[in-house]
Amino acid sequence: MKPKARRYVAIILRILAWPLAVIIGLFVLFNAYGVAEQAYQQEGLYNSALLLSIWLSAALLFIALVLLGHVLLDDSEQNLRSRKSFKFAGGLAVGMAAALVLSLWLEDGYLGRQNDAVNGITNEFEAAVVQDHWEETYTHFVGESLYCWPISDTCLVATRRWETDIQFTPKTLQALVAEAGFDFPVEGLCLSRNPPDMSSEHAQCEASGIVGEYSVTISALNYDDKGPDKLAITVREADG
């Protein structure tokens, strides 16, 4: 590479890599704290370790690019020490790039399994208790992703809602919950607690419990005490 071109490449690498390395380094520290916290709670270590691996390999990759920039900027490139530095930085960059790709691939598989598990619960609930003539009026799903940090609130949540022909009582809701295969107690009298002019839907009664790693809530919703209720299920990652 010609000296002038080498200098331009080196400057670009140094301008881009240092700020990115600092920013990603902060994410590494953030996830390291998350790993330590979840290690203390004895849960979620696999995903936390993957996140830490992703950000650590990314930070080291950009640091390696910085080193390459310094070497390329060095006029004594033919010097033995310079060649060794170039090989070290290049090897580090290649290794960290490979580690980053592998970590991202493993994380994508993990997140996919989490998302499939949550959607599986709602789909099984629908197959077990939802009647064909009930209209689905609402569906919402936010899957796990890389911006859901180990110490932050979970992003993983799925909600589905149907218009039924039932005005639920605690007994009928309990029977439906049992039919779905859940052993959750029903809380509430299935009566409106909102004033007559309240226009928003609310849970008249609900049953909540834990299924594996997930929190499941089944609710009867309505504006008031009149007419059929809506049935809703919400599944999210259970708190540690």
C-alpha atoms as a PDB file:
ATOM      1  CA  MET A   1       0.000   0.000   0.000  1.00  0.00           C
ATOM      2  CA  LYS A   2       1.297   3.433  -0.920  1.00  0.00           C
ATOM      3  CA  PRO A   3       2.279   5.655   2.023  1.00  0.00           C
ATOM      4  CA  LYS A   4      -0.395   8.273   1.247  1.00  0.00           C
ATOM      5  CA  ALA A   5      -3.188   5.700   0.925  1.00  0.00           C
ATOM      6  CA  ARG A   6      -1.923   3.912   4.026  1.00  0.00           C
ATOM      7  CA  ARG A   7      -2.070   7.163   5.951  1.00  0.00           C
ATOM      8  CA  TYR A   8      -5.663   7.859   4.894  1.00  0.00           C
ATOM      9  CA  VAL A   9      -6.776   4.351   5.857  1.00  0.00           C
ATOM     10  CA  ALA A  10      -5.029   4.653   9.204  1.00  0.00           C
ATOM     11  CA  ILE A  11      -6.654   7.997   9.987  1.00  0.00           C
ATOM     12  CA  ILE A  12     -10.120   6.689   9.102  1.00  0.00           C
ATOM     13  CA  LEU A  13      -9.626   3.600  11.276  1.00  0.00           C
ATOM     14  CA  ARG A  14      -8.486   5.691  14.215  1.00  0.00           C
ATOM     15  CA  ILE A  15     -11.317   8.208  13.891  1.00  0.00           C
ATOM     16  CA  LEU A  16     -14.001   5.523  13.695  1.00  0.00           C
ATOM     17  CA  ALA A  17     -12.607   2.840  15.946  1.00  0.00           C
ATOM     18  CA  TRP A  18     -11.733   4.723  19.127  1.00  0.00           C
ATOM     19  CA  PRO A  19     -15.183   6.250  19.794  1.00  0.00           C
ATOM     20  CA  LEU A  20     -16.873   2.959  18.942  1.00  0.00           C
ATOM     21  CA  ALA A  21     -14.494   1.039  21.197  1.00  0.00           C
ATOM     22  CA  VAL A  22     -15.285   3.383  24.099  1.00  0.00           C
ATOM     23  CA  ILE A  23     -19.049   3.151  23.557  1.00  0.00           C
ATOM     24  CA  ILE A  24     -19.002  -0.618  23.234  1.00  0.00           C
ATOM     25  CA  GLY A  25     -16.715  -0.828  26.254  1.00  0.00           C
ATOM     26  CA  LEU A  26     -19.478   0.790  28.307  1.00  0.00           C
ATOM     27  CA  PHE A  27     -21.894  -1.877  27.093  1.00  0.00           C
ATOM     28  CA  VAL A  28     -19.373  -4.526  28.128  1.00  0.00           C
ATOM     29  CA  LEU A  29     -19.271  -3.133  31.663  1.00  0.00           C
ATOM     30  CA  PHE A  30     -23.065  -2.867  31.710  1.00  0.00           C
ATOM     31  CA  ASN A  31     -23.492  -6.504  30.706  1.00  0.00           C
ATOM     32  CA  ALA A  32     -20.735  -7.628  33.072  1.00  0.00           C
ATOM     33  CA  TYR A  33     -22.781  -6.168  35.909  1.00  0.00           C
ATOM     34  CA  GLY A  34     -25.840  -7.991  34.553  1.00  0.00           C
ATOM     35  CA  VAL A  35     -23.963 -11.291  34.472  1.00  0.00           C
ATOM     36  CA  ALA A  36     -22.806 -10.802  38.059  1.00  0.00           C
ATOM     37  CA  GLU A  37     -26.332  -9.972  39.202  1.00  0.00           C
ATOM     38  CA  GLN A  38     -27.873 -12.964  37.473  1.00  0.00           C
ATOM     39  CA  ALA A  39     -25.088 -15.208  38.759  1.00  0.00           C
ATOM     40  CA  TYR A  40     -26.078 -14.078  42.241  1.00  0.00           C
ATOM     41  CA  GLN A  41     -29.703 -14.909  41.440  1.00  0.00           C
ATOM     42  CA  GLN A  42     -28.581 -18.187  39.804  1.00  0.00           C
ATOM     43  CA  GLU A  43     -30.567 -17.640  36.629  1.00  0.00           C
ATOM     44  CA  GLY A  44     -30.130 -16.409  33.078  1.00  0.00           C
ATOM     45  CA  LEU A  45     -26.392 -17.068  32.945  1.00  0.00           C
ATOM     46  CA  TYR A  46     -26.366 -18.450  29.407  1.00  0.00           C
ATOM     47  CA  ASN A  47     -27.956 -15.396  27.809  1.00  0.00           C
ATOM     48  CA  SER A  48     -25.972 -12.970  29.957  1.00  0.00           C
ATOM     49  CA  ALA A  49     -22.725 -14.691  29.011  1.00  0.00           C
ATOM     50  CA  LEU A  50     -23.687 -14.502  25.337  1.00  0.00           C
ATOM     51  CA  LEU A  51     -24.421 -10.784  25.604  1.00  0.00           C
ATOM     52  CA  LEU A  52     -21.126 -10.207  27.382  1.00  0.00           C
ATOM     53  CA  SER A  53     -19.314 -12.204  24.700  1.00  0.00           C
ATOM     54  CA  ILE A  54     -20.948 -10.147  21.943  1.00  0.00           C
ATOM     55  CA  TRP A  55     -19.987  -6.775  23.361  1.00  0.00           C
ATOM     56  CA  LEU A  56     -16.547  -7.865  24.564  1.00  0.00           C
ATOM     57  CA  SER A  57     -15.597  -9.299  21.174  1.00  0.00           C
ATOM     58  CA  ALA A  58     -16.973  -6.176  19.463  1.00  0.00           C
ATOM     59  CA  ALA A  59     -14.932  -3.909  21.745  1.00  0.00           C
ATOM     60  CA  LEU A  60     -11.753  -5.913  21.170  1.00  0.00           C
ATOM     61  CA  LEU A  61     -12.432  -5.930  17.430  1.00  0.00           C
ATOM     62  CA  PHE A  62     -12.518  -2.145  17.313  1.00  0.00           C
ATOM     63  CA  ILE A  63      -9.450  -1.911  19.541  1.00  0.00           C
ATOM     64  CA  ALA A  64      -7.653  -4.196  17.073  1.00  0.00           C
ATOM     65  CA  LEU A  65      -8.695  -1.854  14.263  1.00  0.00           C
ATOM     66  CA  VAL A  66      -7.203   1.036  16.222  1.00  0.00           C
ATOM     67  CA  LEU A  67      -3.936  -0.883  16.544  1.00  0.00           C
ATOM     68  CA  LEU A  68      -3.976  -1.570  12.818  1.00  0.00           C
ATOM     69  CA  GLY A  69      -4.466   2.126  12.229  1.00  0.00           C
ATOM     70  CA  HIS A  70      -1.436   2.961  14.355  1.00  0.00           C
ATOM     71  CA  VAL A  71       0.698   0.389  12.558  1.00  0.00           C
ATOM     72  CA  LEU A  72      -0.371   1.585   9.116  1.00  0.00           C
ATOM     73  CA  LEU A  73       0.414   5.143  10.121  1.00  0.00           C
ATOM     74  CA  ASP A  74       3.904   4.154  11.211  1.00  0.00           C
ATOM     75  CA  ASP A  75       6.402   5.035   8.477  1.00  0.00           C
ATOM     76  CA  SER A  76       8.683   2.221   9.596  1.00  0.00           C
ATOM     77  CA  GLU A  77       6.317  -0.485   8.386  1.00  0.00           C
ATOM     78  CA  GLN A  78       9.203  -2.642   7.186  1.00  0.00           C
ATOM     79  CA  ASN A  79      10.593  -2.686  10.705  1.00  0.00           C
ATOM     80  CA  LEU A  80      10.410  -6.131  12.362  1.00  0.00           C
ATOM     81  CA  ARG A  81       8.561  -4.744  15.358  1.00  0.00           C
ATOM     82  CA  SER A  82       6.043  -3.047  13.084  1.00  0.00           C
ATOM     83  CA  ARG A  83       5.401  -6.271  11.175  1.00  0.00           C
ATOM     84  CA  LYS A  84       4.865  -8.178  14.412  1.00  0.00           C
ATOM     85  CA  SER A  85       2.435  -5.527  15.619  1.00  0.00           C
ATOM     86  CA  PHE A  86       0.576  -5.693  12.321  1.00  0.00           C
ATOM     87  CA  LYS A  87       0.276  -9.487  12.551  1.00  0.00           C
ATOM     88  CA  PHE A  88      -0.882  -9.294  16.161  1.00  0.00           C
ATOM     89  CA  ALA A  89      -3.497  -6.622  15.472  1.00  0.00           C
ATOM     90  CA  GLY A  90      -4.663  -8.377  12.316  1.00  0.00           C
ATOM     91  CA  GLY A  91      -4.957 -11.720  14.070  1.00  0.00           C
ATOM     92  CA  LEU A  92      -6.830 -10.123  16.958  1.00  0.00           C
ATOM     93  CA  ALA A  93      -9.230  -8.428  14.545  1.00  0.00           C
ATOM     94  CA  VAL A  94      -9.931 -11.666  12.662  1.00  0.00           C
ATOM     95  CA  GLY A  95     -10.363 -13.654  15.879  1.00  0.00           C
ATOM     96  CA  MET A  96     -12.702 -11.121  17.452  1.00  0.00           C
ATOM     97  CA  ALA A  97     -14.721 -10.829  14.247  1.00  0.00           C
ATOM     98  CA  ALA A  98     -15.185 -14.607  14.268  1.00  0.00           C
ATOM     99  CA  ALA A  99     -16.107 -14.570  17.975  1.00  0.00           C
ATOM    100  CA  LEU A 100     -18.607 -11.772  17.356  1.00  0.00           C
ATOM    101  CA  VAL A 101     -20.290 -13.650  14.499  1.00  0.00           C
ATOM    102  CA  LEU A 102     -20.455 -16.866  16.548  1.00  0.00           C
ATOM    103  CA  SER A 103     -21.881 -15.072  19.602  1.00  0.00           C
ATOM    104  CA  LEU A 104     -24.508 -13.300  17.501  1.00  0.00           C
ATOM    105  CA  TRP A 105     -25.497 -16.606  15.903  1.00  0.00           C
ATOM    106  CA  LEU A 106     -25.862 -18.336  19.282  1.00  0.00           C
ATOM    107  CA  GLU A 107     -27.778 -15.375  20.712  1.00  0.00           C
ATOM    108  CA  ASP A 108     -30.147 -15.344  17.747  1.00  0.00           C
ATOM    109  CA  GLY A 109     -30.902 -19.017  18.324  1.00  0.00           C
ATOM    110  CA  TYR A 110     -31.486 -18.445  22.038  1.00  0.00           C
ATOM    111  CA  LEU A 111     -33.816 -15.494  21.457  1.00  0.00           C
ATOM    112  CA  GLY A 112     -35.702 -17.441  18.812  1.00  0.00           C
ATOM    113  CA  ARG A 113     -36.325 -20.286  21.260  1.00  0.00           C
ATOM    114  CA  GLN A 114     -37.555 -17.830  23.899  1.00  0.00           C
ATOM    115  CA  ASN A 115     -39.932 -16.144  21.477  1.00  0.00           C
ATOM    116  CA  ASP A 116     -41.241 -19.478  20.181  1.00  0.00           C
ATOM    117  CA  ALA A 117     -41.894 -20.664  23.740  1.00  0.00           C
ATOM    118  CA  VAL A 118     -43.993 -17.597  24.592  1.00  0.00           C
ATOM    119  CA  ASN A 119     -45.982 -17.768  21.368  1.00  0.00           C
ATOM    120  CA  GLY A 120     -46.408 -21.493  21.949  1.00  0.00           C
ATOM    121  CA  ILE A 121     -48.181 -20.850  25.266  1.00  0.00           C
ATOM    122  CA  THR A 122     -50.664 -18.414  23.698  1.00  0.00           C
ATOM    123  CA  ASN A 123     -51.265 -20.719  20.727  1.00  0.00           C
ATOM    124  CA  GLU A 124     -51.917 -23.722  22.980  1.00  0.00           C
ATOM    125  CA  PHE A 125     -54.306 -21.623  25.063  1.00  0.00           C
ATOM    126  CA  GLU A 126     -56.217 -20.617  21.929  1.00  0.00           C
ATOM    127  CA  ALA A 127     -56.432 -24.198  20.712  1.00  0.00           C
ATOM    128  CA  ALA A 128     -57.680 -25.428  24.103  1.00  0.00           C
ATOM    129  CA  VAL A 129     -60.377 -22.898  25.027  1.00  0.00           C
ATOM    130  CA  VAL A 130     -61.062 -20.303  22.315  1.00  0.00           C
ATOM    131  CA  GLN A 131     -64.211 -21.093  20.336  1.00  0.00           C
ATOM    132  CA  ASP A 132     -64.279 -20.714  16.574  1.00  0.00           C
ATOM    133  CA  HIS A 133     -66.850 -17.900  16.569  1.00  0.00           C
ATOM    134  CA  TRP A 134     -64.906 -15.752  19.035  1.00  0.00           C
ATOM    135  CA  GLU A 135     -63.290 -12.852  17.224  1.00  0.00           C
ATOM    136  CA  GLU A 136     -59.682 -12.002  18.009  1.00  0.00           C
ATOM    137  CA  THR A 137     -59.699  -8.256  18.663  1.00  0.00           C
ATOM    138  CA  TYR A 138     -56.113  -7.620  19.729  1.00  0.00           C
ATOM    139  CA  THR A 139     -52.716  -9.217  19.384  1.00  0.00           C
ATOM    140  CA  HIS A 140     -49.393  -7.838  20.550  1.00  0.00           C
ATOM    141  CA  PHE A 141     -45.965  -9.417  20.636  1.00  0.00           C
ATOM    142  CA  VAL A 142     -42.568  -7.986  21.504  1.00  0.00           C
ATOM    143  CA  GLY A 143     -39.800 -10.540  21.292  1.00  0.00           C
ATOM    144  CA  GLU A 144     -36.486 -10.699  23.069  1.00  0.00           C
ATOM    145  CA  SER A 145     -33.712  -8.821  21.292  1.00  0.00           C
ATOM    146  CA  LEU A 146     -30.217  -7.488  21.893  1.00  0.00           C
ATOM    147  CA  TYR A 147     -31.498  -4.238  23.391  1.00  0.00           C
ATOM    148  CA  CYS A 148     -33.155  -6.142  26.267  1.00  0.00           C
ATOM    149  CA  TRP A 149     -30.281  -5.950  28.755  1.00  0.00           C
ATOM    150  CA  PRO A 150     -29.804  -8.450  31.598  1.00  0.00           C
ATOM    151  CA  ILE A 151     -30.564  -5.855  34.297  1.00  0.00           C
ATOM    152  CA  SER A 152     -33.408  -4.088  32.518  1.00  0.00           C
ATOM    153  CA  ASP A 153     -37.098  -4.862  32.347  1.00  0.00           C
ATOM    154  CA  THR A 154     -37.890  -7.714  30.036  1.00  0.00           C
ATOM    155  CA  CYS A 155     -39.006  -6.991  26.498  1.00  0.00           C
ATOM    156  CA  LEU A 156     -40.515 -10.441  26.006  1.00  0.00           C
ATOM    157  CA  VAL A 157     -44.308 -10.171  26.156  1.00  0.00           C
ATOM    158  CA  ALA A 158     -47.217 -11.583  24.162  1.00  0.00           C
ATOM    159  CA  THR A 159     -50.854 -10.534  24.569  1.00  0.00           C
ATOM    160  CA  ARG A 160     -53.937 -11.793  22.742  1.00  0.00           C
ATOM    161  CA  ARG A 161     -57.583 -10.873  23.261  1.00  0.00           C
ATOM    162  CA  TRP A 162     -60.877 -12.306  22.009  1.00  0.00           C
ATOM    163  CA  GLU A 163     -64.493 -11.107  22.000  1.00  0.00           C
ATOM    164  CA  THR A 164     -66.508 -13.890  23.650  1.00  0.00           C
ATOM    165  CA  ASP A 165     -70.202 -14.621  24.157  1.00  0.00           C
ATOM    166  CA  ILE A 166     -69.700 -15.211  27.880  1.00  0.00           C
ATOM    167  CA  GLN A 167     -70.267 -12.997  30.887  1.00  0.00           C
ATOM    168  CA  PHE A 168     -67.672 -14.500  33.167  1.00  0.00           C
ATOM    169  CA  THR A 169     -68.059 -15.386  36.804  1.00  0.00           C
ATOM    170  CA  PRO A 170     -65.173 -16.591  38.976  1.00  0.00           C
ATOM    171  CA  LYS A 171     -66.493 -20.135  38.510  1.00  0.00           C
ATOM    172  CA  THR A 172     -66.687 -20.009  34.703  1.00  0.00           C
ATOM    173  CA  LEU A 173     -63.275 -18.358  34.410  1.00  0.00           C
ATOM    174  CA  GLN A 174     -61.791 -20.957  36.755  1.00  0.00           C
ATOM    175  CA  ALA A 175     -63.266 -23.728  34.599  1.00  0.00           C
ATOM    176  CA  LEU A 176     -61.773 -22.164  31.467  1.00  0.00           C
ATOM    177  CA  VAL A 177     -58.367 -21.820  33.124  1.00  0.00           C
ATOM    178  CA  ALA A 178     -58.486 -25.485  34.143  1.00  0.00           C
ATOM    179  CA  GLU A 179     -59.532 -26.493  30.612  1.00  0.00           C
ATOM    180  CA  ALA A 180     -56.432 -24.719  29.309  1.00  0.00           C
ATOM    181  CA  GLY A 181     -54.334 -26.907  31.599  1.00  0.00           C
ATOM    182  CA  PHE A 182     -53.407 -24.247  34.163  1.00  0.00           C
ATOM    183  CA  ASP A 183     -53.819 -24.518  37.924  1.00  0.00           C
ATOM    184  CA  PHE A 184     -54.139 -20.804  38.685  1.00  0.00           C
ATOM    185  CA  PRO A 185     -56.480 -19.296  41.298  1.00  0.00           C
ATOM    186  CA  VAL A 186     -58.974 -16.686  40.091  1.00  0.00           C
ATOM    187  CA  GLU A 187     -58.830 -13.308  41.799  1.00  0.00           C
ATOM    188  CA  GLY A 188     -61.707 -10.833  41.690  1.00  0.00           C
ATOM    189  CA  LEU A 189     -65.481 -11.132  41.565  1.00  0.00           C
ATOM    190  CA  CYS A 190     -65.763 -10.572  37.793  1.00  0.00           C
ATOM    191  CA  LEU A 191     -67.728  -7.397  38.525  1.00  0.00           C
ATOM    192  CA  SER A 192     -66.988  -3.877  37.329  1.00  0.00           C
ATOM    193  CA  ARG A 193     -64.970  -1.726  39.712  1.00  0.00           C
ATOM    194  CA  ASN A 194     -64.933   1.306  37.427  1.00  0.00           C
ATOM    195  CA  PRO A 195     -67.449   4.162  37.562  1.00  0.00           C
ATOM    196  CA  PRO A 196     -70.194   4.080  34.876  1.00  0.00           C
ATOM    197  CA  ASP A 197     -68.548   6.794  32.769  1.00  0.00           C
ATOM    198  CA  MET A 198     -65.221   4.937  32.581  1.00  0.00           C
ATOM    199  CA  SER A 199     -64.669   4.080  28.904  1.00  0.00           C
ATOM    200  CA  SER A 200     -61.524   1.941  29.110  1.00  0.00           C
ATOM    201  CA  GLU A 201     -61.571  -1.822  29.424  1.00  0.00           C
ATOM    202  CA  HIS A 202     -60.284  -3.305  32.638  1.00  0.00           C
ATOM    203  CA  ALA A 203     -59.750  -6.701  34.190  1.00  0.00           C
ATOM    204  CA  GLN A 204     -62.864  -7.726  36.090  1.00  0.00           C
ATOM    205  CA  CYS A 205     -61.187 -10.899  37.286  1.00  0.00           C
ATOM    206  CA  GLU A 206     -58.026 -12.747  36.400  1.00  0.00           C
ATOM    207  CA  ALA A 207     -55.939 -15.816  37.075  1.00  0.00           C
ATOM    208  CA  SER A 208     -52.153 -15.630  37.197  1.00  0.00           C
ATOM    209  CA  GLY A 209     -49.367 -18.118  37.633  1.00  0.00           C
ATOM    210  CA  ILE A 210     -45.972 -19.326  36.456  1.00  0.00           C
ATOM    211  CA  VAL A 211     -45.406 -21.749  33.587  1.00  0.00           C
ATOM    212  CA  GLY A 212     -41.753 -22.706  33.389  1.00  0.00           C
ATOM    213  CA  GLU A 213     -39.820 -19.449  32.989  1.00  0.00           C
ATOM    214  CA  TYR A 214     -42.883 -17.392  32.089  1.00  0.00           C
ATOM    215  CA  SER A 215     -45.609 -15.482  33.902  1.00  0.00           C
ATOM    216  CA  VAL A 216     -49.104 -16.126  32.507  1.00  0.00           C
ATOM    217  CA  THR A 217     -52.181 -13.990  33.212  1.00  0.00           C
ATOM    218  CA  ILE A 218     -55.675 -14.859  31.952  1.00  0.00           C
ATOM    219  CA  SER A 219     -58.203 -12.034  32.310  1.00  0.00           C
ATOM    220  CA  ALA A 220     -61.884 -11.324  31.752  1.00  0.00           C
ATOM    221  CA  LEU A 221     -62.264  -7.767  30.441  1.00  0.00           C
ATOM    222  CA  ASN A 222     -65.236  -5.451  30.010  1.00  0.00           C
ATOM    223  CA  TYR A 223     -66.337  -1.822  30.194  1.00  0.00           C
ATOM    224  CA  ASP A 224     -69.072  -2.542  32.747  1.00  0.00           C
ATOM    225  CA  ASP A 225     -71.168  -5.380  34.169  1.00  0.00           C
ATOM    226  CA  LYS A 226     -73.324  -5.700  31.048  1.00  0.00           C
ATOM    227  CA  GLY A 227     -72.824  -7.810  27.943  1.00  0.00           C
ATOM    228  CA  PRO A 228     -70.259 -10.483  27.130  1.00  0.00           C
ATOM    229  CA  ASP A 229     -66.684 -10.132  28.258  1.00  0.00           C
ATOM    230  CA  LYS A 230     -63.422 -10.212  26.385  1.00  0.00           C
ATOM    231  CA  LEU A 231     -60.913 -12.897  27.229  1.00  0.00           C
ATOM    232  CA  ALA A 232     -57.215 -12.034  27.298  1.00  0.00           C
ATOM    233  CA  ILE A 233     -53.990 -13.902  27.892  1.00  0.00           C
ATOM    234  CA  THR A 234     -50.659 -12.213  28.572  1.00  0.00           C
ATOM    235  CA  VAL A 235     -47.378 -14.106  28.725  1.00  0.00           C
ATOM    236  CA  ARG A 236     -44.111 -12.502  29.743  1.00  0.00           C
ATOM    237  CA  GLU A 237     -40.792 -13.578  31.187  1.00  0.00           C
ATOM    238  CA  ALA A 238     -41.183 -14.187  34.906  1.00  0.00           C
ATOM    239  CA  ASP A 239     -39.334 -11.942  37.328  1.00  0.00           C
ATOM    240  CA  GLY A 240     -36.248 -13.441  38.892  1.00  0.00           C
END
